[in-house]
Amino acid sequence: MTSNLFFRRLTSGITFDTKKFSKEASKFGLAKSDTDVKVDEKERAVLPSLEEVKREIKEKLQNDKLKDVSDDDESDITVLGNIKNTNKKKKKKKTKTKVKEAYEEKLNQFRNANNIHVSGTDVPEPISEWSMLTEKWSMTEQVVSCITYPRPSPIQMQTIPVMMAGRELLACAPTGSGKTAAFLLPLIHQLKEPRNGGYRAVVVVPTKELAVQICNECSALCAKNGLRANMLSKVKADKKVTVKHDILVSPPNRLVYMLQHDPPLLTLDKVEWLVVDEADKLFEAGETGFRDQLAAIHRACTGPGLRRAMLSATLGPEVEAWCKLNFDNMVRVRVGAANSATETIDQRLVYCGTEAGKLPAFRNLVKAGLQPPVLVFVQTKERAGELFKELLYDGINVDVIHSERSEQQRENTVRAFRSGGIWVLICTELMGRGIDFKGVNLVINYDFPPSAVSYIHRIGRTGRAGRQGQAVTFFTEQDRTILRTIAQVMRNSGCEVPDYMLSLKKVNRDERKKLAQKAPKRDAISRVSKYEKEQTKKKGEIIAASKKRKSEGKVRNPKKKKKAGISEENDDMDEEIESDFE
C-alpha cells in the first residue's frame, strides 16, 4: 500500500486545508506542488494552430448535433391530437465566432504560460519558433540564419510580431530577456535593403557603451543582407555629414548637437522607425535626465509614416501616460511582474552596521571564494576611486570605470573586462543600464541603490539570457529609509527576505524622489579609522601653520626665555649687531 493511499484511508471523512498545509498536501498527493503546476503549464503551453482549432470545433459541433437530435426525440410530448410540447431552443453562436473565441483562448493560455501580458486591439499572434518568421512574416533566410539564439524569449515571442505588423509599441521586460534583438529584427526586416540618402531607423540609448553594444549586435544580424548600422563620431562644425548608413544608434547629446547646429549637420526626414531603449531613463527630467534632448530628436524625425517603440526593464507612469496620449493604435507588452527583477538571480542582503564595516564584508566575500567576473556598484565616482585604491594591492585584478575617465580608457577597460583581464570592475550608475557582459557571476551593491529602479538595473547585469547569477547588497543603518522597497522587490522575485524588513515604515513619495535624485552623504572608503584621520588632519594643520609663519618671518625663537634681569636695551643691541653682520 502506497503512502498516498494509506493517508487517504486514514483521513477519510476529514476535511484537509490544502492551502494552509500546502507542503504536506503536495507530499501526500492531495494537491499539486508549484513545480508540478509549472511543468504542466509548460507542457500544455503549445502555440495553437488555427487549422487544428477549426477541426476541433467542427468535431465538437457534429457531436453536439447528434446529441441534440436524440434529446429532441425524448423531449417531444404529445398533449392533444397532433399538438406537441417542445422546449425552446437557445440561439447558437456561429461557427466562425466559436473558432475565433477558442483560438483566442488558446493563445491566451500560451501567453500566460510564458508570463506575457498584452493590451491593445487586434494584437498580432506570438511566435514560438524562429522558423515562423519566415512562414508567417516572410522574413528572409539571410536574416533568420544570423540569429544565434536557440528559440525566442517571451519578450521576443510577442514584440517581434507587433513591430512586424507596423504597430507602435510600449514594452517592459526584465533585464537580460532579449529586448535588443526583439526590436532589431523587425527593423532589419522592414528596411529590407541598403539605401543612401539618410538614416531610416534611429535607436536612442542613454550611454555610449550601450550604443556600441547595440551597434555591434545590429551589425552581426545584418551580416548577410547588407544593411549598415552606425554610431556618430566626432564631427567638424563646418561640414555637413554625408549619411551612407541605414540604422543610427546613438546617445542623445551628440545627435541633438548636430540637429540644432546652424545650419543643421544632420537631418532625420527619412526615418521610418524611432526606437527608444531604456525609455524611463531618457524620460527623466533635470540634469541627469534626457527628456529635452529626446523631445528634440522626436520633433526632428519627420519621415513619412513614422512609427515609434519604447522599451525598458522599468517603466514609470510618465512614460505610459505619454505613450497612451501620443502613440497611434499602441500595443503594450509586459513580461513578468511590473518593475521586478528576473528569477534567475539569487539575491541577498548583508548588514554592515556602518560604512567602516563594508570593506571587511567585501574582503570576507573574497576569502569565501570570489568567482569572476564581478561587478561592484558605488554611488559616486569619488567613492569608486577610493575603493579602487583599497583593493588595488589585495591581489585582485581590479579596475574602475566612471564618467571622468576618457572614452579610450573606458573602451579599454570594458574590453579587458570582457576578455577576462579584469576580474572585478568597480563602476557607478553609468554601467547599470543595458550593458551586457557575458557570464557575470556576481553583482555587489557596495553602496545601497537609491531606488528600486536602480536596484533592478544594477543586479540585472547578472542572470542574463537564462543563466544563473548572484547579487549581494550591503546596507547600513543609514539605508533603513529605502530598505523596505528593495526587500519587496526581492520578495516579488521569489527570494527569501526577513519579515521585519517588510514591516518597516513606508517612505513617502517626496522622500523617495529626493533619494533618487541625490544620494546620501557617506564616509570615505578607507581602512584608517575616523580617529586616526582626525589626528592626521590636526597634524597636517599644525605643519601648514608652521610653514606659513616661517614664510611670513614670524618664527618663534627656540632658545630659552631670557632671564628677567636682562633689560630691553640688550635686546636692541643684539638686533643692531645682527644687522651689522648682515
Protein backbone atom coordinates (compact mmCIF):
# COMPACT_ATOMS: atom_id res chain seq x y z
CA MET A 1 0.00 0.00 0.00
CA THR A 2 1.44 3.36 -1.04
CA SER A 3 1.79 6.27 1.41
CA ASN A 4 -0.75 8.32 -0.57
CA LEU A 5 -3.40 5.59 -0.43
CA PHE A 6 -2.69 4.87 3.25
CA PHE A 7 -3.05 8.59 4.10
CA ARG A 8 -6.34 8.84 2.19
CA ARG A 9 -7.83 5.84 4.05
CA LEU A 10 -6.55 7.08 7.38
CA THR A 11 -8.07 10.54 6.89
CA SER A 12 -11.31 9.54 5.17
CA GLY A 13 -14.18 11.81 6.20
CA ILE A 14 -11.82 14.54 7.45
CA THR A 15 -11.55 17.92 5.70
CA PHE A 16 -7.94 18.89 4.99
CA ASP A 17 -6.90 22.53 4.39
CA THR A 18 -4.62 22.14 1.36
CA LYS A 19 -3.77 25.86 1.25
CA LYS A 20 -2.64 26.12 4.86
CA PHE A 21 -0.74 22.82 4.75
CA SER A 22 0.41 23.08 1.12
CA LYS A 23 3.72 21.22 1.64
CA GLU A 24 2.03 18.26 3.36
CA ALA A 25 -0.76 18.23 0.77
CA SER A 26 1.71 18.02 -2.13
CA LYS A 27 3.72 15.35 -0.27
CA PHE A 28 0.72 13.04 0.13
CA GLY A 29 -0.67 13.73 -3.33
CA LEU A 30 -3.70 15.78 -2.24
CA ALA A 31 -2.54 18.82 -4.24
CA LYS A 32 -0.02 19.54 -6.95
CA SER A 33 3.21 21.30 -5.99
CA ASP A 34 4.20 24.61 -7.62
CA THR A 35 6.88 22.88 -9.70
CA ASP A 36 4.36 20.34 -10.99
CA VAL A 37 1.96 23.14 -11.92
CA LYS A 38 4.72 24.99 -13.78
CA VAL A 39 5.73 21.82 -15.65
CA ASP A 40 2.09 21.14 -16.56
CA GLU A 41 1.65 24.69 -17.80
CA LYS A 42 4.78 24.48 -19.97
CA GLU A 43 3.72 21.11 -21.39
CA ARG A 44 0.25 22.49 -22.11
CA ALA A 45 1.63 25.79 -23.47
CA VAL A 46 1.94 24.99 -27.15
CA LEU A 47 1.22 27.74 -29.66
CA PRO A 48 -2.16 26.79 -31.18
CA SER A 49 -2.76 26.26 -34.89
CA LEU A 50 -5.88 27.80 -36.40
CA GLU A 51 -6.49 24.71 -38.57
CA GLU A 52 -6.37 22.41 -35.54
CA VAL A 53 -8.82 24.64 -33.64
CA LYS A 54 -11.21 24.61 -36.63
CA ARG A 55 -11.04 20.82 -36.78
CA GLU A 56 -11.73 20.50 -33.04
CA ILE A 57 -14.72 22.86 -33.24
CA LYS A 58 -16.20 21.01 -36.22
CA GLU A 59 -15.90 17.68 -34.41
CA LYS A 60 -17.50 19.17 -31.32
CA LEU A 61 -20.37 20.66 -33.34
CA GLN A 62 -21.05 17.31 -35.02
CA ASN A 63 -21.17 15.56 -31.65
CA ASP A 64 -23.47 18.28 -30.25
CA LYS A 65 -25.75 17.95 -33.29
CA LEU A 66 -26.15 14.18 -32.81
CA LYS A 67 -26.82 14.75 -29.12
CA ASP A 68 -29.46 17.42 -29.86
CA VAL A 69 -31.30 15.06 -32.26
CA SER A 70 -31.56 12.33 -29.60
CA ASP A 71 -32.64 14.88 -26.97
CA ASP A 72 -35.37 16.26 -29.28
CA ASP A 73 -36.93 12.80 -29.74
CA GLU A 74 -37.07 12.25 -25.99
CA SER A 75 -38.36 15.72 -25.05
CA ASP A 76 -41.29 15.85 -27.51
CA ILE A 77 -44.60 15.11 -25.66
CA THR A 78 -47.98 14.79 -27.42
CA VAL A 79 -50.63 16.69 -25.45
CA LEU A 80 -53.82 16.74 -27.63
CA GLY A 81 -54.03 15.21 -31.08
CA ASN A 82 -51.12 16.48 -33.15
CA ILE A 83 -50.14 19.27 -30.67
CA LYS A 84 -46.65 18.80 -29.23
CA ASN A 85 -44.96 20.49 -26.27
CA THR A 86 -41.36 21.31 -27.28
CA ASN A 87 -38.69 23.19 -25.31
CA LYS A 88 -37.48 26.45 -26.79
CA LYS A 89 -34.05 26.08 -28.34
CA LYS A 90 -31.32 28.53 -27.45
CA LYS A 91 -29.72 30.54 -30.20
CA LYS A 92 -26.36 29.04 -31.05
CA LYS A 93 -23.25 31.01 -31.89
CA LYS A 94 -21.94 30.90 -35.42
CA THR A 95 -19.09 28.53 -36.17
CA LYS A 96 -16.71 31.39 -37.06
CA THR A 97 -17.35 33.07 -33.71
CA LYS A 98 -16.76 29.81 -31.84
CA VAL A 99 -13.50 29.17 -33.71
CA LYS A 100 -12.29 32.71 -33.02
CA GLU A 101 -13.11 32.51 -29.30
CA ALA A 102 -11.47 29.08 -28.90
CA TYR A 103 -8.38 30.22 -30.79
CA GLU A 104 -8.07 33.40 -28.67
CA GLU A 105 -8.44 31.34 -25.51
CA LYS A 106 -5.59 29.01 -26.52
CA LEU A 107 -3.41 31.99 -27.48
CA ASN A 108 -4.02 33.49 -24.04
CA GLN A 109 -3.09 30.17 -22.41
CA PHE A 110 0.19 30.24 -24.33
CA ARG A 111 0.85 33.86 -23.30
CA ASN A 112 0.05 33.17 -19.63
CA ALA A 113 2.36 30.16 -19.57
CA ASN A 114 5.19 32.44 -20.80
CA ASN A 115 4.22 35.34 -18.48
CA ILE A 116 3.30 37.55 -21.45
CA HIS A 117 0.69 40.26 -20.78
CA VAL A 118 -0.69 42.31 -23.67
CA SER A 119 -3.16 45.15 -24.05
CA GLY A 120 -4.45 46.77 -27.21
CA THR A 121 -6.82 45.96 -30.07
CA ASP A 122 -6.15 43.16 -32.58
CA VAL A 123 -2.83 42.18 -31.04
CA PRO A 124 -0.80 40.05 -33.50
CA GLU A 125 -0.25 36.39 -32.63
CA PRO A 126 3.01 35.48 -30.85
CA ILE A 127 5.63 33.17 -32.35
CA SER A 128 7.19 30.13 -30.72
CA GLU A 129 9.99 29.27 -33.20
CA TRP A 130 12.28 31.34 -35.42
CA SER A 131 11.07 29.43 -38.48
CA MET A 132 7.65 31.07 -38.03
CA LEU A 133 9.19 34.43 -39.02
CA THR A 134 9.80 33.01 -42.48
CA GLU A 135 6.48 31.16 -42.72
CA LYS A 136 4.14 33.86 -41.36
CA TRP A 137 6.01 37.14 -41.87
CA SER A 138 8.17 36.39 -44.94
CA MET A 139 11.44 37.28 -43.24
CA THR A 140 14.37 36.32 -45.44
CA GLU A 141 16.56 33.34 -44.65
CA GLN A 142 19.56 35.70 -44.71
CA VAL A 143 18.33 37.42 -41.55
CA VAL A 144 16.98 34.30 -39.80
CA SER A 145 20.27 32.46 -40.31
CA CYS A 146 22.12 35.22 -38.41
CA ILE A 147 20.05 34.64 -35.24
CA THR A 148 22.20 32.82 -32.69
CA TYR A 149 19.55 32.16 -30.01
CA PRO A 150 18.02 28.63 -29.95
CA ARG A 151 14.41 29.86 -29.56
CA PRO A 152 12.65 33.19 -28.94
CA SER A 153 12.43 34.54 -25.39
CA PRO A 154 8.97 35.63 -24.12
CA ILE A 155 9.53 39.31 -24.99
CA GLN A 156 10.72 38.32 -28.48
CA MET A 157 7.73 35.99 -28.98
CA GLN A 158 5.27 38.88 -28.79
CA THR A 159 7.25 42.06 -29.55
CA ILE A 160 8.64 40.92 -32.93
CA PRO A 161 5.17 40.19 -34.47
CA VAL A 162 3.81 43.50 -33.10
CA MET A 163 6.57 45.55 -34.77
CA MET A 164 6.49 43.41 -37.93
CA ALA A 165 2.81 44.34 -38.24
CA GLY A 166 3.79 48.02 -38.10
CA ARG A 167 2.16 48.68 -34.72
CA GLU A 168 3.59 51.21 -32.26
CA LEU A 169 4.90 49.57 -29.12
CA LEU A 170 5.47 50.07 -25.40
CA ALA A 171 7.32 47.06 -23.94
CA CYS A 172 8.52 46.16 -20.45
CA ALA A 173 10.57 43.02 -19.71
CA PRO A 174 13.20 42.01 -17.14
CA THR A 175 16.88 42.74 -17.70
CA GLY A 176 18.70 40.24 -19.90
CA SER A 177 15.50 38.96 -21.53
CA GLY A 178 16.47 39.78 -25.14
CA LYS A 179 14.86 43.19 -25.75
CA THR A 180 17.64 44.31 -28.13
CA ALA A 181 17.03 41.52 -30.66
CA ALA A 182 13.29 41.99 -30.13
CA PHE A 183 13.38 45.44 -31.77
CA LEU A 184 16.37 44.98 -34.13
CA LEU A 185 14.92 42.02 -36.07
CA PRO A 186 11.70 43.84 -37.14
CA LEU A 187 13.74 46.94 -38.09
CA ILE A 188 16.09 44.89 -40.28
CA HIS A 189 13.14 43.06 -41.91
CA GLN A 190 11.21 46.24 -42.73
CA LEU A 191 14.20 48.23 -44.06
CA LYS A 192 14.91 45.25 -46.39
CA GLU A 193 17.90 46.58 -48.35
CA PRO A 194 20.60 49.24 -48.00
CA ARG A 195 19.92 52.72 -49.43
CA ASN A 196 21.81 56.00 -49.42
CA GLY A 197 20.33 59.41 -48.69
CA GLY A 198 19.63 59.34 -44.95
CA TYR A 199 19.02 57.26 -41.86
CA ARG A 200 15.80 55.21 -41.99
CA ALA A 201 15.84 53.97 -38.38
CA VAL A 202 17.12 55.66 -35.21
CA VAL A 203 17.79 53.89 -31.89
CA VAL A 204 18.31 56.25 -28.93
CA VAL A 205 20.09 54.96 -25.79
CA PRO A 206 21.36 56.70 -22.62
CA THR A 207 25.10 55.79 -22.75
CA LYS A 208 27.82 55.39 -25.36
CA GLU A 209 28.78 51.94 -24.03
CA LEU A 210 25.24 50.67 -24.63
CA ALA A 211 25.21 52.27 -28.10
CA VAL A 212 28.43 50.41 -29.02
CA GLN A 213 26.93 47.12 -27.81
CA ILE A 214 23.67 47.55 -29.79
CA CYS A 215 25.54 48.69 -32.91
CA ASN A 216 27.73 45.56 -32.79
CA GLU A 217 24.70 43.28 -32.35
CA CYS A 218 22.90 45.04 -35.21
CA SER A 219 25.92 44.61 -37.50
CA ALA A 220 26.01 40.88 -36.66
CA LEU A 221 22.30 40.46 -37.58
CA CYS A 222 22.81 42.47 -40.82
CA ALA A 223 25.88 40.49 -41.85
CA LYS A 224 24.18 38.86 -44.89
CA ASN A 225 21.65 41.43 -46.13
CA GLY A 226 23.96 44.46 -46.43
CA LEU A 227 22.17 46.90 -44.08
CA ARG A 228 24.62 49.21 -42.30
CA ALA A 229 24.49 50.30 -38.65
CA ASN A 230 26.41 53.35 -37.47
CA MET A 231 27.39 55.34 -34.39
CA LEU A 232 28.07 59.07 -34.54
CA SER A 233 31.72 60.02 -34.23
CA LYS A 234 33.26 63.44 -33.63
CA VAL A 235 32.33 65.87 -36.41
CA LYS A 236 33.60 69.19 -37.69
CA ALA A 237 31.21 72.05 -37.08
CA ASP A 238 31.59 73.49 -40.60
CA LYS A 239 30.99 70.25 -42.51
CA LYS A 240 27.64 68.57 -43.10
CA VAL A 241 27.59 64.81 -42.51
CA THR A 242 27.06 62.60 -45.56
CA VAL A 243 24.98 59.61 -44.50
CA LYS A 244 25.95 56.25 -46.01
CA HIS A 245 24.21 54.08 -43.40
CA ASP A 246 20.67 52.86 -42.73
CA ILE A 247 20.42 52.49 -38.92
CA LEU A 248 21.73 55.05 -36.41
CA VAL A 249 22.42 54.05 -32.79
CA SER A 250 23.34 57.00 -30.59
CA PRO A 251 23.13 58.64 -27.17
CA PRO A 252 21.05 61.84 -27.37
CA ASN A 253 23.62 64.58 -26.67
CA ARG A 254 25.77 64.41 -29.81
CA LEU A 255 22.75 63.77 -32.03
CA VAL A 256 20.92 66.82 -30.65
CA TYR A 257 24.03 68.99 -31.13
CA MET A 258 24.13 68.03 -34.83
CA LEU A 259 20.39 68.60 -35.28
CA GLN A 260 20.38 72.02 -33.59
CA HIS A 261 23.55 73.32 -35.27
CA ASP A 262 23.05 76.28 -37.61
CA PRO A 263 22.86 75.05 -40.33
CA PRO A 264 21.92 71.50 -39.23
CA LEU A 265 24.71 68.97 -39.76
CA LEU A 266 22.21 66.09 -39.98
CA THR A 267 18.55 65.61 -40.92
CA LEU A 268 16.15 62.83 -39.94
CA ASP A 269 13.48 63.42 -42.58
CA LYS A 270 13.58 59.82 -43.88
CA VAL A 271 13.28 58.00 -40.55
CA GLU A 272 10.68 55.21 -40.58
CA TRP A 273 11.29 53.85 -37.04
CA LEU A 274 12.30 55.68 -33.85
CA VAL A 275 13.20 53.22 -31.06
CA VAL A 276 13.93 54.42 -27.52
CA ASP A 277 15.76 51.86 -25.38
CA GLU A 278 15.87 52.40 -21.59
CA ALA A 279 12.90 54.74 -22.10
CA ASP A 280 12.37 55.56 -18.41
CA LYS A 281 15.94 56.89 -18.09
CA LEU A 282 15.63 59.02 -21.22
CA PHE A 283 12.29 60.41 -19.97
CA GLU A 284 13.87 61.70 -16.74
CA ALA A 285 13.90 65.48 -16.38
CA GLY A 286 16.68 67.56 -14.80
CA GLU A 287 20.46 67.38 -15.02
CA THR A 288 20.71 63.57 -15.06
CA GLY A 289 17.80 63.06 -17.46
CA PHE A 290 17.46 63.42 -21.23
CA ARG A 291 13.83 64.49 -21.67
CA ASP A 292 14.57 67.75 -23.52
CA GLN A 293 17.06 66.05 -25.86
CA LEU A 294 14.62 63.21 -26.56
CA ALA A 295 11.89 65.75 -27.40
CA ALA A 296 14.25 67.48 -29.88
CA ILE A 297 15.04 64.14 -31.59
CA HIS A 298 11.34 63.24 -31.74
CA ARG A 299 10.50 66.57 -33.42
CA ALA A 300 13.32 66.10 -35.94
CA CYS A 301 12.03 62.68 -37.10
CA THR A 302 9.66 63.83 -39.84
CA GLY A 303 9.74 60.80 -42.12
CA PRO A 304 6.52 59.60 -43.77
CA GLY A 305 4.63 57.03 -41.69
CA LEU A 306 6.94 57.31 -38.69
CA ARG A 307 6.43 54.54 -36.13
CA ARG A 308 7.76 54.53 -32.58
CA ALA A 309 8.70 51.93 -29.99
CA MET A 310 9.78 52.32 -26.37
CA LEU A 311 11.34 49.56 -24.27
CA SER A 312 12.80 49.20 -20.79
CA ALA A 313 13.02 46.87 -17.80
CA THR A 314 11.26 49.51 -15.66
CA LEU A 315 8.56 51.86 -16.91
CA GLY A 316 7.17 54.71 -14.83
CA PRO A 317 3.67 56.22 -15.09
CA GLU A 318 5.00 59.25 -17.02
CA VAL A 319 6.23 57.11 -19.93
CA GLU A 320 2.98 55.14 -20.10
CA ALA A 321 0.83 58.29 -19.96
CA TRP A 322 2.83 59.95 -22.77
CA CYS A 323 2.64 56.85 -24.97
CA LYS A 324 -1.13 56.48 -24.48
CA LEU A 325 -1.58 60.11 -25.47
CA ASN A 326 0.77 60.22 -28.48
CA PHE A 327 1.07 56.70 -29.91
CA ASP A 328 -1.32 55.59 -32.64
CA ASN A 329 -3.03 52.21 -32.10
CA MET A 330 -0.44 51.23 -29.49
CA VAL A 331 0.19 47.70 -28.21
CA ARG A 332 1.53 47.33 -24.68
CA VAL A 333 3.59 44.21 -23.92
CA ARG A 334 4.78 43.24 -20.45
CA VAL A 335 6.70 40.10 -19.46
CA GLY A 336 6.54 39.04 -15.80
CA ALA A 337 5.54 41.33 -12.95
CA ALA A 338 5.89 45.07 -13.49
CA ASN A 339 9.19 46.56 -12.29
CA SER A 340 10.59 43.28 -10.99
CA ALA A 341 13.95 41.50 -11.20
CA THR A 342 14.46 38.25 -13.05
CA GLU A 343 14.01 34.99 -11.12
CA THR A 344 17.40 33.62 -12.23
CA ILE A 345 19.25 35.87 -9.74
CA ASP A 346 19.92 34.70 -6.18
CA GLN A 347 19.65 37.94 -4.16
CA ARG A 348 20.70 38.57 -0.57
CA LEU A 349 21.23 41.47 1.81
CA VAL A 350 24.28 41.81 4.09
CA TYR A 351 24.14 44.10 7.15
CA CYS A 352 27.40 46.03 7.70
CA GLY A 353 26.44 48.36 10.58
CA THR A 354 28.37 51.41 9.34
CA GLU A 355 30.39 52.43 6.30
CA ALA A 356 33.55 51.13 8.01
CA GLY A 357 32.04 47.62 8.07
CA LYS A 358 31.67 47.38 4.28
CA LEU A 359 35.34 46.87 3.45
CA PRO A 360 35.72 43.87 5.84
CA ALA A 361 32.44 42.45 4.48
CA PHE A 362 33.80 42.71 0.93
CA ARG A 363 37.07 41.03 1.94
CA ASN A 364 35.05 38.23 3.60
CA LEU A 365 33.36 37.60 0.25
CA VAL A 366 36.78 37.41 -1.40
CA LYS A 367 38.03 34.95 1.25
CA ALA A 368 34.94 32.77 0.84
CA GLY A 369 35.77 32.47 -2.85
CA LEU A 370 35.01 35.08 -5.47
CA GLN A 371 34.17 33.68 -8.88
CA PRO A 372 34.95 36.34 -11.51
CA PRO A 373 33.78 38.29 -13.42
CA VAL A 374 32.30 40.55 -10.71
CA LEU A 375 30.69 44.00 -10.96
CA VAL A 376 30.79 46.32 -7.92
CA PHE A 377 28.47 49.35 -7.83
CA VAL A 378 29.13 52.52 -5.81
CA GLN A 379 27.15 55.75 -5.80
CA THR A 380 29.80 58.31 -6.92
CA LYS A 381 32.98 58.40 -8.99
CA GLU A 382 34.92 59.65 -5.93
CA ARG A 383 33.94 56.57 -3.96
CA ALA A 384 34.80 54.39 -6.97
CA GLY A 385 38.34 55.79 -6.89
CA GLU A 386 38.62 55.29 -3.13
CA LEU A 387 37.52 51.63 -3.32
CA PHE A 388 39.88 51.02 -6.25
CA LYS A 389 42.85 52.28 -4.17
CA GLU A 390 41.89 49.99 -1.26
CA LEU A 391 41.54 46.86 -3.43
CA LEU A 392 44.47 47.53 -5.76
CA TYR A 393 47.02 45.79 -3.53
CA ASP A 394 44.75 42.92 -2.38
CA GLY A 395 45.90 40.61 -5.18
CA ILE A 396 42.71 41.09 -7.21
CA ASN A 397 42.74 42.13 -10.87
CA VAL A 398 40.59 45.21 -10.35
CA ASP A 399 39.81 48.33 -12.38
CA VAL A 400 37.39 51.24 -12.25
CA ILE A 401 35.12 52.91 -14.82
CA HIS A 402 33.19 56.18 -14.49
CA SER A 403 32.27 59.31 -16.46
CA GLU A 404 35.50 61.21 -15.70
CA ARG A 405 37.68 58.66 -17.49
CA SER A 406 38.34 59.31 -21.18
CA GLU A 407 36.47 57.43 -23.91
CA GLN A 408 39.61 55.47 -24.78
CA GLN A 409 40.18 54.47 -21.14
CA ARG A 410 36.56 53.33 -20.79
CA GLU A 411 36.70 51.30 -24.02
CA ASN A 412 39.96 49.63 -22.95
CA THR A 413 38.51 48.81 -19.50
CA VAL A 414 35.32 47.29 -20.98
CA ARG A 415 37.38 45.28 -23.49
CA ALA A 416 39.67 43.96 -20.74
CA PHE A 417 36.69 43.02 -18.55
CA ARG A 418 35.01 41.15 -21.42
CA SER A 419 38.23 39.24 -22.23
CA GLY A 420 38.89 38.25 -18.59
CA GLY A 421 41.89 40.50 -17.99
CA ILE A 422 39.96 42.25 -15.21
CA TRP A 423 38.20 40.16 -12.56
CA VAL A 424 36.47 42.89 -10.57
CA LEU A 425 35.15 46.07 -12.19
CA ILE A 426 34.13 48.97 -9.93
CA CYS A 427 31.54 51.22 -11.55
CA THR A 428 28.82 53.81 -10.98
CA GLU A 429 25.27 54.01 -12.40
CA LEU A 430 26.92 54.53 -15.81
CA MET A 431 27.18 50.73 -16.22
CA GLY A 432 23.79 49.95 -14.71
CA ARG A 433 21.81 50.39 -17.92
CA GLY A 434 21.61 47.78 -20.63
CA ILE A 435 25.29 46.76 -20.76
CA ASP A 436 25.52 43.02 -21.46
CA PHE A 437 28.67 41.34 -20.13
CA LYS A 438 28.63 37.63 -20.91
CA GLY A 439 28.68 35.45 -17.83
CA VAL A 440 28.85 37.99 -14.97
CA ASN A 441 28.55 35.71 -11.93
CA LEU A 442 28.17 38.25 -9.15
CA VAL A 443 26.97 41.83 -8.69
CA ILE A 444 27.87 43.58 -5.42
CA ASN A 445 25.98 46.72 -4.42
CA TYR A 446 28.71 48.21 -2.23
CA ASP A 447 26.53 51.31 -1.81
CA PHE A 448 22.81 50.80 -1.34
CA PRO A 449 20.85 51.70 -4.53
CA PRO A 450 18.85 54.96 -4.26
CA SER A 451 15.66 53.43 -5.74
CA ALA A 452 14.01 50.17 -6.72
CA VAL A 453 14.55 51.01 -10.41
CA SER A 454 18.29 51.47 -9.83
CA TYR A 455 18.43 48.16 -7.92
CA ILE A 456 16.66 46.23 -10.71
CA HIS A 457 19.00 47.58 -13.38
CA ARG A 458 22.15 47.04 -11.29
CA ILE A 459 21.51 43.41 -10.45
CA GLY A 460 20.27 42.84 -14.00
CA ARG A 461 23.90 42.75 -15.19
CA THR A 462 23.94 39.13 -13.98
CA GLY A 463 21.49 36.27 -14.55
CA ARG A 464 21.07 37.23 -18.21
CA ALA A 465 19.68 35.08 -21.04
CA GLY A 466 18.54 32.35 -18.64
CA ARG A 467 21.88 31.95 -16.83
CA GLN A 468 22.07 31.87 -13.04
CA GLY A 469 23.63 34.78 -11.15
CA GLN A 470 24.11 36.21 -7.67
CA ALA A 471 23.57 39.69 -6.23
CA VAL A 472 24.82 40.83 -2.81
CA THR A 473 23.72 44.20 -1.41
CA PHE A 474 25.45 45.84 1.60
CA PHE A 475 23.27 48.00 3.83
CA THR A 476 23.83 50.09 6.97
CA GLU A 477 21.65 51.92 9.48
CA GLN A 478 21.72 54.89 7.11
CA ASP A 479 19.86 52.87 4.46
CA ARG A 480 16.79 51.98 6.52
CA THR A 481 14.59 54.50 4.67
CA ILE A 482 14.50 52.55 1.39
CA LEU A 483 15.27 49.07 2.75
CA ARG A 484 11.60 48.04 2.69
CA THR A 485 11.26 48.95 -1.02
CA ILE A 486 14.27 46.82 -2.05
CA ALA A 487 13.13 43.95 0.20
CA GLN A 488 9.74 43.99 -1.54
CA VAL A 489 11.41 43.75 -4.97
CA MET A 490 13.37 40.75 -3.70
CA ARG A 491 10.24 39.08 -2.32
CA ASN A 492 8.44 39.62 -5.66
CA SER A 493 11.34 37.87 -7.41
CA GLY A 494 10.96 34.80 -5.19
CA CYS A 495 13.85 35.48 -2.78
CA GLU A 496 13.61 35.00 0.97
CA VAL A 497 13.50 38.24 2.98
CA PRO A 498 13.23 38.71 6.78
CA ASP A 499 9.71 39.73 7.83
CA TYR A 500 10.94 42.71 9.86
CA MET A 501 12.17 44.41 6.66
CA LEU A 502 8.72 44.27 5.09
CA SER A 503 7.14 45.67 8.26
CA LEU A 504 9.34 48.80 8.28
CA LYS A 505 7.70 52.19 7.88
CA LYS A 506 6.79 53.13 4.31
CA VAL A 507 8.67 56.01 2.72
CA ASN A 508 6.51 58.73 1.19
CA ARG A 509 6.84 59.73 -2.45
CA ASP A 510 8.72 63.00 -1.80
CA GLU A 511 11.43 61.26 0.22
CA ARG A 512 11.83 58.61 -2.48
CA LYS A 513 12.27 61.31 -5.13
CA LYS A 514 14.91 63.08 -3.03
CA LEU A 515 16.85 59.85 -2.56
CA ALA A 516 16.65 59.03 -6.27
CA GLN A 517 17.91 62.49 -7.24
CA LYS A 518 20.61 62.89 -4.60
CA ALA A 519 22.28 60.00 -2.81
CA PRO A 520 23.05 60.38 0.93
CA LYS A 521 26.50 61.53 2.07
CA ARG A 522 28.72 58.68 3.18
CA ASP A 523 32.06 58.42 4.98
CA ALA A 524 35.07 57.88 2.75
CA ILE A 525 36.12 54.31 1.92
CA SER A 526 39.29 53.59 3.89
CA ARG A 527 40.75 51.08 6.35
CA VAL A 528 42.01 54.02 8.51
CA SER A 529 39.73 54.77 11.47
CA LYS A 530 37.94 58.09 11.89
CA TYR A 531 40.07 58.95 14.99
CA GLU A 532 43.30 58.35 13.05
CA LYS A 533 42.02 60.54 10.22
CA GLU A 534 41.24 63.39 12.67
CA GLN A 535 44.72 63.11 14.24
CA THR A 536 46.37 63.15 10.82
CA LYS A 537 44.27 66.16 9.85
CA LYS A 538 45.28 68.06 13.02
CA LYS A 539 48.94 67.24 12.43
CA GLY A 540 48.68 68.50 8.88
CA GLU A 541 47.08 71.74 10.03
CA ILE A 542 49.87 72.32 12.58
CA ILE A 543 52.57 71.73 9.93
CA ALA A 544 50.78 74.04 7.47
CA ALA A 545 50.53 76.81 10.11
CA SER A 546 54.23 76.42 10.96
CA LYS A 547 55.24 76.74 7.29
CA LYS A 548 53.05 79.82 6.95
CA ARG A 549 54.74 81.52 9.93
CA LYS A 550 58.15 80.74 8.52
CA SER A 551 57.24 82.21 5.15
CA GLU A 552 55.92 85.38 6.84
CA GLY A 553 59.04 85.68 9.06
CA LYS A 554 57.15 85.17 12.31
CA VAL A 555 59.31 82.35 13.61
CA ARG A 556 59.46 81.95 17.37
CA ASN A 557 62.94 81.82 18.95
CA PRO A 558 63.53 78.22 20.06
CA LYS A 559 66.04 79.26 22.71
CA LYS A 560 65.05 79.50 26.37
CA LYS A 561 63.50 82.72 27.56
CA LYS A 562 65.96 85.25 28.81
CA LYS A 563 66.20 85.88 32.47
CA ALA A 564 64.03 88.59 33.90
CA GLY A 565 67.03 90.74 34.92
CA ILE A 566 68.19 91.42 31.35
CA SER A 567 66.93 94.74 30.06
CA GLU A 568 65.32 95.52 26.71
CA GLU A 569 68.40 97.63 25.76
CA ASN A 570 70.46 94.43 25.43
CA ASP A 571 67.86 93.06 23.04
CA ASP A 572 68.05 96.16 20.89
CA MET A 573 71.91 95.92 20.92
CA ASP A 574 71.72 92.28 19.75
CA GLU A 575 69.47 93.26 16.87
CA GLU A 576 71.87 96.04 15.82
CA ILE A 577 74.86 93.63 15.90
CA GLU A 578 72.92 91.09 13.76
CA SER A 579 72.02 93.80 11.25
CA ASP A 580 75.70 94.87 11.03
CA PHE A 581 76.79 91.31 10.24
CA GLU A 582 74.15 91.10 7.53
